[in-house]
Amino acid sequence: MLLKSKDSDALIKVIDVEALINPQDPMVSGQVQNGEEEQDPEEFTKAELLFPSGEALPLCWFDADYKLNISRA
């Protein structure tokens, strides 16, 4: 899955999609997609990633209790 960095607009190839959708894991492994050569894996915080369209990641990927927090607002 490809996501985009908020800071650099670089595309990030997510290596572990399970970690991405797990709300208990704040970090995800990925590779910056620069040029033709495969980059070394890095850790990224989910908060710094977006979908390539610019849309934010779903809240349920960050917060296991998102339904409780939405109902309190």
PDB file of N, CA and C in Angstrom:
ATOM      1  N   MET A   1       0.846  -1.166   0.000  1.00  0.00           N
ATOM      2  CA  MET A   1       0.000   0.000   0.000  1.00  0.00           C
ATOM      3  C   MET A   1       0.891   1.228   0.000  1.00  0.00           C
ATOM      4  N   LEU A   2       0.547   2.207  -0.803  1.00  0.00           N
ATOM      5  CA  LEU A   2       1.299   3.453  -0.856  1.00  0.00           C
ATOM      6  C   LEU A   2       0.576   4.542  -0.070  1.00  0.00           C
ATOM      7  N   LEU A   3       1.328   5.245   0.761  1.00  0.00           N
ATOM      8  CA  LEU A   3       0.829   6.413   1.479  1.00  0.00           C
ATOM      9  C   LEU A   3       1.778   7.564   1.187  1.00  0.00           C
ATOM     10  N   LYS A   4       1.424   8.748   1.666  1.00  0.00           N
ATOM     11  CA  LYS A   4       2.225   9.941   1.406  1.00  0.00           C
ATOM     12  C   LYS A   4       2.637  10.575   2.724  1.00  0.00           C
ATOM     13  N   SER A   5       3.855  11.062   2.785  1.00  0.00           N
ATOM     14  CA  SER A   5       4.352  11.777   3.956  1.00  0.00           C
ATOM     15  C   SER A   5       3.776  13.186   3.968  1.00  0.00           C
ATOM     16  N   LYS A   6       3.271  13.626   5.127  1.00  0.00           N
ATOM     17  CA  LYS A   6       2.741  14.992   5.252  1.00  0.00           C
ATOM     18  C   LYS A   6       3.846  16.021   5.047  1.00  0.00           C
ATOM     19  N   ASP A   7       5.037  15.724   5.551  1.00  0.00           N
ATOM     20  CA  ASP A   7       6.134  16.687   5.528  1.00  0.00           C
ATOM     21  C   ASP A   7       6.766  16.857   4.155  1.00  0.00           C
ATOM     22  N   SER A   8       7.058  15.742   3.491  1.00  0.00           N
ATOM     23  CA  SER A   8       7.840  15.831   2.257  1.00  0.00           C
ATOM     24  C   SER A   8       7.061  15.503   0.991  1.00  0.00           C
ATOM     25  N   ASP A   9       5.803  15.079   1.121  1.00  0.00           N
ATOM     26  CA  ASP A   9       4.993  14.637  -0.017  1.00  0.00           C
ATOM     27  C   ASP A   9       5.583  13.422  -0.729  1.00  0.00           C
ATOM     28  N   ALA A  10       6.571  12.767  -0.105  1.00  0.00           N
ATOM     29  CA  ALA A  10       7.164  11.566  -0.695  1.00  0.00           C
ATOM     30  C   ALA A  10       6.202  10.397  -0.537  1.00  0.00           C
ATOM     31  N   LEU A  11       6.192   9.511  -1.516  1.00  0.00           N
ATOM     32  CA  LEU A  11       5.386   8.305  -1.403  1.00  0.00           C
ATOM     33  C   LEU A  11       6.116   7.289  -0.532  1.00  0.00           C
ATOM     34  N   ILE A  12       5.349   6.624   0.344  1.00  0.00           N
ATOM     35  CA  ILE A  12       5.883   5.632   1.259  1.00  0.00           C
ATOM     36  C   ILE A  12       5.198   4.306   0.962  1.00  0.00           C
ATOM     37  N   LYS A  13       5.984   3.281   0.667  1.00  0.00           N
ATOM     38  CA  LYS A  13       5.444   1.941   0.469  1.00  0.00           C
ATOM     39  C   LYS A  13       5.382   1.260   1.835  1.00  0.00           C
ATOM     40  N   VAL A  14       4.156   1.009   2.320  1.00  0.00           N
ATOM     41  CA  VAL A  14       3.974   0.382   3.624  1.00  0.00           C
ATOM     42  C   VAL A  14       4.310  -1.101   3.508  1.00  0.00           C
ATOM     43  N   ILE A  15       5.213  -1.558   4.356  1.00  0.00           N
ATOM     44  CA  ILE A  15       5.650  -2.949   4.330  1.00  0.00           C
ATOM     45  C   ILE A  15       4.700  -3.829   5.128  1.00  0.00           C
ATOM     46  N   ASP A  16       4.249  -3.345   6.281  1.00  0.00           N
ATOM     47  CA  ASP A  16       3.406  -4.138   7.179  1.00  0.00           C
ATOM     48  C   ASP A  16       2.021  -3.499   7.304  1.00  0.00           C
ATOM     49  N   VAL A  17       1.099  -3.923   6.475  1.00  0.00           N
ATOM     50  CA  VAL A  17      -0.255  -3.360   6.478  1.00  0.00           C
ATOM     51  C   VAL A  17      -0.972  -3.708   7.778  1.00  0.00           C
ATOM     52  N   GLU A  18      -0.676  -4.863   8.379  1.00  0.00           N
ATOM     53  CA  GLU A  18      -1.290  -5.236   9.661  1.00  0.00           C
ATOM     54  C   GLU A  18      -0.969  -4.201  10.739  1.00  0.00           C
ATOM     55  N   ALA A  19       0.272  -3.740  10.797  1.00  0.00           N
ATOM     56  CA  ALA A  19       0.656  -2.711  11.765  1.00  0.00           C
ATOM     57  C   ALA A  19      -0.056  -1.397  11.463  1.00  0.00           C
ATOM     58  N   LEU A  20      -0.283  -1.114  10.194  1.00  0.00           N
ATOM     59  CA  LEU A  20      -0.955   0.119   9.798  1.00  0.00           C
ATOM     60  C   LEU A  20      -2.385   0.171  10.325  1.00  0.00           C
ATOM     61  N   ILE A  21      -3.104  -0.930  10.241  1.00  0.00           N
ATOM     62  CA  ILE A  21      -4.510  -0.913  10.652  1.00  0.00           C
ATOM     63  C   ILE A  21      -4.692  -1.266  12.131  1.00  0.00           C
ATOM     64  N   ASN A  22      -3.619  -1.627  12.830  1.00  0.00           N
ATOM     65  CA  ASN A  22      -3.681  -1.950  14.254  1.00  0.00           C
ATOM     66  C   ASN A  22      -3.627  -0.653  15.062  1.00  0.00           C
ATOM     67  N   PRO A  23      -4.713  -0.290  15.768  1.00  0.00           N
ATOM     68  CA  PRO A  23      -4.721   0.966  16.515  1.00  0.00           C
ATOM     69  C   PRO A  23      -3.772   0.968  17.712  1.00  0.00           C
ATOM     70  N   GLN A  24      -3.279  -0.193  18.123  1.00  0.00           N
ATOM     71  CA  GLN A  24      -2.342  -0.268  19.247  1.00  0.00           C
ATOM     72  C   GLN A  24      -0.900   0.037  18.828  1.00  0.00           C
ATOM     73  N   ASP A  25      -0.643   0.096  17.539  1.00  0.00           N
ATOM     74  CA  ASP A  25       0.715   0.308  17.022  1.00  0.00           C
ATOM     75  C   ASP A  25       0.825   1.707  16.405  1.00  0.00           C
ATOM     76  N   PRO A  26       1.561   2.627  17.041  1.00  0.00           N
ATOM     77  CA  PRO A  26       1.664   3.995  16.516  1.00  0.00           C
ATOM     78  C   PRO A  26       2.639   4.150  15.349  1.00  0.00           C
ATOM     79  N   MET A  27       3.457   3.116  15.104  1.00  0.00           N
ATOM     80  CA  MET A  27       4.469   3.187  14.058  1.00  0.00           C
ATOM     81  C   MET A  27       4.187   2.154  12.977  1.00  0.00           C
ATOM     82  N   VAL A  28       4.723   2.420  11.786  1.00  0.00           N
ATOM     83  CA  VAL A  28       4.585   1.486  10.671  1.00  0.00           C
ATOM     84  C   VAL A  28       5.898   1.482   9.886  1.00  0.00           C
ATOM     85  N   SER A  29       6.284   0.310   9.405  1.00  0.00           N
ATOM     86  CA  SER A  29       7.497   0.187   8.593  1.00  0.00           C
ATOM     87  C   SER A  29       7.172   0.495   7.143  1.00  0.00           C
ATOM     88  N   GLY A  30       8.071   1.232   6.500  1.00  0.00           N
ATOM     89  CA  GLY A  30       7.853   1.563   5.103  1.00  0.00           C
ATOM     90  C   GLY A  30       9.143   1.943   4.406  1.00  0.00           C
ATOM     91  N   GLN A  31       9.034   2.076   3.098  1.00  0.00           N
ATOM     92  CA  GLN A  31      10.182   2.458   2.271  1.00  0.00           C
ATOM     93  C   GLN A  31       9.796   3.669   1.436  1.00  0.00           C
ATOM     94  N   VAL A  32      10.615   4.703   1.513  1.00  0.00           N
ATOM     95  CA  VAL A  32      10.416   5.882   0.676  1.00  0.00           C
ATOM     96  C   VAL A  32      10.637   5.478  -0.771  1.00  0.00           C
ATOM     97  N   GLN A  33       9.761   5.905  -1.643  1.00  0.00           N
ATOM     98  CA  GLN A  33       9.846   5.561  -3.061  1.00  0.00           C
ATOM     99  C   GLN A  33      10.503   6.717  -3.825  1.00  0.00           C
ATOM    100  N   ASN A  34      11.827   6.697  -3.848  1.00  0.00           N
ATOM    101  CA  ASN A  34      12.609   7.714  -4.557  1.00  0.00           C
ATOM    102  C   ASN A  34      13.378   7.049  -5.686  1.00  0.00           C
ATOM    103  N   GLY A  35      13.016   7.360  -6.895  1.00  0.00           N
ATOM    104  CA  GLY A  35      13.748   6.826  -8.029  1.00  0.00           C
ATOM    105  C   GLY A  35      13.509   5.349  -8.251  1.00  0.00           C
ATOM    106  N   GLU A  36      14.439   4.719  -8.926  1.00  0.00           N
ATOM    107  CA  GLU A  36      14.296   3.320  -9.308  1.00  0.00           C
ATOM    108  C   GLU A  36      14.871   2.359  -8.278  1.00  0.00           C
ATOM    109  N   GLU A  37      15.765   2.820  -7.436  1.00  0.00           N
ATOM    110  CA  GLU A  37      16.447   1.944  -6.489  1.00  0.00           C
ATOM    111  C   GLU A  37      15.613   1.784  -5.212  1.00  0.00           C
ATOM    112  N   GLU A  38      15.491   0.541  -4.728  1.00  0.00           N
ATOM    113  CA  GLU A  38      14.727   0.251  -3.514  1.00  0.00           C
ATOM    114  C   GLU A  38      15.434   0.857  -2.299  1.00  0.00           C
ATOM    115  N   GLN A  39      14.721   1.631  -1.507  1.00  0.00           N
ATOM    116  CA  GLN A  39      15.277   2.283  -0.325  1.00  0.00           C
ATOM    117  C   GLN A  39      15.212   1.341   0.873  1.00  0.00           C
ATOM    118  N   ASP A  40      16.038   1.602   1.881  1.00  0.00           N
ATOM    119  CA  ASP A  40      16.023   0.814   3.111  1.00  0.00           C
ATOM    120  C   ASP A  40      14.743   1.108   3.887  1.00  0.00           C
ATOM    121  N   PRO A  41      14.202   0.103   4.584  1.00  0.00           N
ATOM    122  CA  PRO A  41      13.006   0.311   5.405  1.00  0.00           C
ATOM    123  C   PRO A  41      13.272   1.304   6.534  1.00  0.00           C
ATOM    124  N   GLU A  42      12.254   2.097   6.851  1.00  0.00           N
ATOM    125  CA  GLU A  42      12.300   3.064   7.943  1.00  0.00           C
ATOM    126  C   GLU A  42      11.018   2.939   8.739  1.00  0.00           C
ATOM    127  N   GLU A  43      11.026   3.481   9.958  1.00  0.00           N
ATOM    128  CA  GLU A  43       9.823   3.535  10.778  1.00  0.00           C
ATOM    129  C   GLU A  43       9.193   4.924  10.620  1.00  0.00           C
ATOM    130  N   PHE A  44       7.882   4.949  10.433  1.00  0.00           N
ATOM    131  CA  PHE A  44       7.128   6.183  10.303  1.00  0.00           C
ATOM    132  C   PHE A  44       6.002   6.186  11.322  1.00  0.00           C
ATOM    133  N   THR A  45       5.696   7.338  11.892  1.00  0.00           N
ATOM    134  CA  THR A  45       4.524   7.423  12.754  1.00  0.00           C
ATOM    135  C   THR A  45       3.299   7.560  11.866  1.00  0.00           C
ATOM    136  N   LYS A  46       2.220   6.935  12.271  1.00  0.00           N
ATOM    137  CA  LYS A  46       0.993   7.003  11.474  1.00  0.00           C
ATOM    138  C   LYS A  46       0.501   8.433  11.336  1.00  0.00           C
ATOM    139  N   ALA A  47       0.765   9.264  12.358  1.00  0.00           N
ATOM    140  CA  ALA A  47       0.306  10.654  12.340  1.00  0.00           C
ATOM    141  C   ALA A  47       0.939  11.458  11.209  1.00  0.00           C
ATOM    142  N   GLU A  48       2.088  11.031  10.700  1.00  0.00           N
ATOM    143  CA  GLU A  48       2.754  11.784   9.635  1.00  0.00           C
ATOM    144  C   GLU A  48       2.398  11.280   8.229  1.00  0.00           C
ATOM    145  N   LEU A  49       1.430  10.347   8.135  1.00  0.00           N
ATOM    146  CA  LEU A  49       1.084   9.754   6.846  1.00  0.00           C
ATOM    147  C   LEU A  49      -0.341  10.109   6.412  1.00  0.00           C
ATOM    148  N   LEU A  50      -0.522  10.196   5.108  1.00  0.00           N
ATOM    149  CA  LEU A  50      -1.808  10.466   4.469  1.00  0.00           C
ATOM    150  C   LEU A  50      -1.987   9.504   3.311  1.00  0.00           C
ATOM    151  N   PHE A  51      -3.213   9.386   2.827  1.00  0.00           N
ATOM    152  CA  PHE A  51      -3.413   8.694   1.562  1.00  0.00           C
ATOM    153  C   PHE A  51      -2.840   9.579   0.454  1.00  0.00           C
ATOM    154  N   PRO A  52      -2.447   9.020  -0.686  1.00  0.00           N
ATOM    155  CA  PRO A  52      -1.888   9.827  -1.775  1.00  0.00           C
ATOM    156  C   PRO A  52      -2.823  10.955  -2.237  1.00  0.00           C
ATOM    157  N   SER A  53      -4.121  10.805  -2.026  1.00  0.00           N
ATOM    158  CA  SER A  53      -5.090  11.840  -2.403  1.00  0.00           C
ATOM    159  C   SER A  53      -5.053  13.031  -1.461  1.00  0.00           C
ATOM    160  N   GLY A  54      -4.363  12.889  -0.316  1.00  0.00           N
ATOM    161  CA  GLY A  54      -4.314  13.948   0.681  1.00  0.00           C
ATOM    162  C   GLY A  54      -5.290  13.719   1.825  1.00  0.00           C
ATOM    163  N   GLU A  55      -6.098  12.676   1.730  1.00  0.00           N
ATOM    164  CA  GLU A  55      -7.077  12.362   2.765  1.00  0.00           C
ATOM    165  C   GLU A  55      -6.361  11.741   3.971  1.00  0.00           C
ATOM    166  N   ALA A  56      -6.838  12.083   5.171  1.00  0.00           N
ATOM    167  CA  ALA A  56      -6.259  11.548   6.400  1.00  0.00           C
ATOM    168  C   ALA A  56      -6.582  10.064   6.543  1.00  0.00           C
ATOM    169  N   LEU A  57      -5.747   9.382   7.313  1.00  0.00           N
ATOM    170  CA  LEU A  57      -5.998   7.969   7.605  1.00  0.00           C
ATOM    171  C   LEU A  57      -7.203   7.858   8.546  1.00  0.00           C
ATOM    172  N   PRO A  58      -7.927   6.753   8.499  1.00  0.00           N
ATOM    173  CA  PRO A  58      -9.099   6.588   9.361  1.00  0.00           C
ATOM    174  C   PRO A  58      -8.725   6.626  10.848  1.00  0.00           C
ATOM    175  N   LEU A  59      -9.571   7.223  11.646  1.00  0.00           N
ATOM    176  CA  LEU A  59      -9.338   7.339  13.077  1.00  0.00           C
ATOM    177  C   LEU A  59      -9.223   5.972  13.746  1.00  0.00           C
ATOM    178  N   CYS A  60      -9.941   4.979  13.245  1.00  0.00           N
ATOM    179  CA  CYS A  60      -9.893   3.639  13.851  1.00  0.00           C
ATOM    180  C   CYS A  60      -8.522   2.987  13.692  1.00  0.00           C
ATOM    181  N   TRP A  61      -7.649   3.489  12.862  1.00  0.00           N
ATOM    182  CA  TRP A  61      -6.286   2.970  12.719  1.00  0.00           C
ATOM    183  C   TRP A  61      -5.362   3.542  13.794  1.00  0.00           C
ATOM    184  N   PHE A  62      -5.817   4.621  14.496  1.00  0.00           N
ATOM    185  CA  PHE A  62      -5.023   5.281  15.527  1.00  0.00           C
ATOM    186  C   PHE A  62      -5.523   4.987  16.939  1.00  0.00           C
ATOM    187  N   ASP A  63      -6.837   4.915  17.108  1.00  0.00           N
ATOM    188  CA  ASP A  63      -7.469   4.910  18.418  1.00  0.00           C
ATOM    189  C   ASP A  63      -8.417   3.716  18.543  1.00  0.00           C
ATOM    190  N   ALA A  64      -8.068   2.767  19.414  1.00  0.00           N
ATOM    191  CA  ALA A  64      -8.904   1.574  19.590  1.00  0.00           C
ATOM    192  C   ALA A  64     -10.273   1.920  20.176  1.00  0.00           C
ATOM    193  N   ASP A  65     -10.373   3.028  20.897  1.00  0.00           N
ATOM    194  CA  ASP A  65     -11.634   3.453  21.508  1.00  0.00           C
ATOM    195  C   ASP A  65     -12.270   4.608  20.745  1.00  0.00           C
ATOM    196  N   TYR A  66     -12.078   4.650  19.450  1.00  0.00           N
ATOM    197  CA  TYR A  66     -12.558   5.788  18.674  1.00  0.00           C
ATOM    198  C   TYR A  66     -14.069   5.974  18.762  1.00  0.00           C
ATOM    199  N   LYS A  67     -14.820   4.902  18.884  1.00  0.00           N
ATOM    200  CA  LYS A  67     -16.289   5.025  18.976  1.00  0.00           C
ATOM    201  C   LYS A  67     -16.689   5.723  20.274  1.00  0.00           C
ATOM    202  N   LEU A  68     -16.010   5.419  21.378  1.00  0.00           N
ATOM    203  CA  LEU A  68     -16.283   6.090  22.653  1.00  0.00           C
ATOM    204  C   LEU A  68     -15.925   7.563  22.584  1.00  0.00           C
ATOM    205  N   ASN A  69     -14.791   7.865  21.970  1.00  0.00           N
ATOM    206  CA  ASN A  69     -14.341   9.248  21.882  1.00  0.00           C
ATOM    207  C   ASN A  69     -15.237  10.081  20.964  1.00  0.00           C
ATOM    208  N   ILE A  70     -15.807   9.479  19.923  1.00  0.00           N
ATOM    209  CA  ILE A  70     -16.708  10.197  19.035  1.00  0.00           C
ATOM    210  C   ILE A  70     -18.012  10.507  19.749  1.00  0.00           C
ATOM    211  N   SER A  71     -18.528   9.572  20.543  1.00  0.00           N
ATOM    212  CA  SER A  71     -19.809   9.775  21.218  1.00  0.00           C
ATOM    213  C   SER A  71     -19.696  10.809  22.331  1.00  0.00           C
ATOM    214  N   ARG A  72     -18.524  11.034  22.874  1.00  0.00           N
ATOM    215  CA  ARG A  72     -18.328  12.057  23.917  1.00  0.00           C
ATOM    216  C   ARG A  72     -18.247  13.457  23.347  1.00  0.00           C
ATOM    217  N   ALA A  73     -17.915  13.577  22.093  1.00  0.00           N
ATOM    218  CA  ALA A  73     -17.723  14.907  21.482  1.00  0.00           C
ATOM    219  C   ALA A  73     -19.034  15.609  21.243  1.00  0.00           C
TER     220      ALA A  73
END
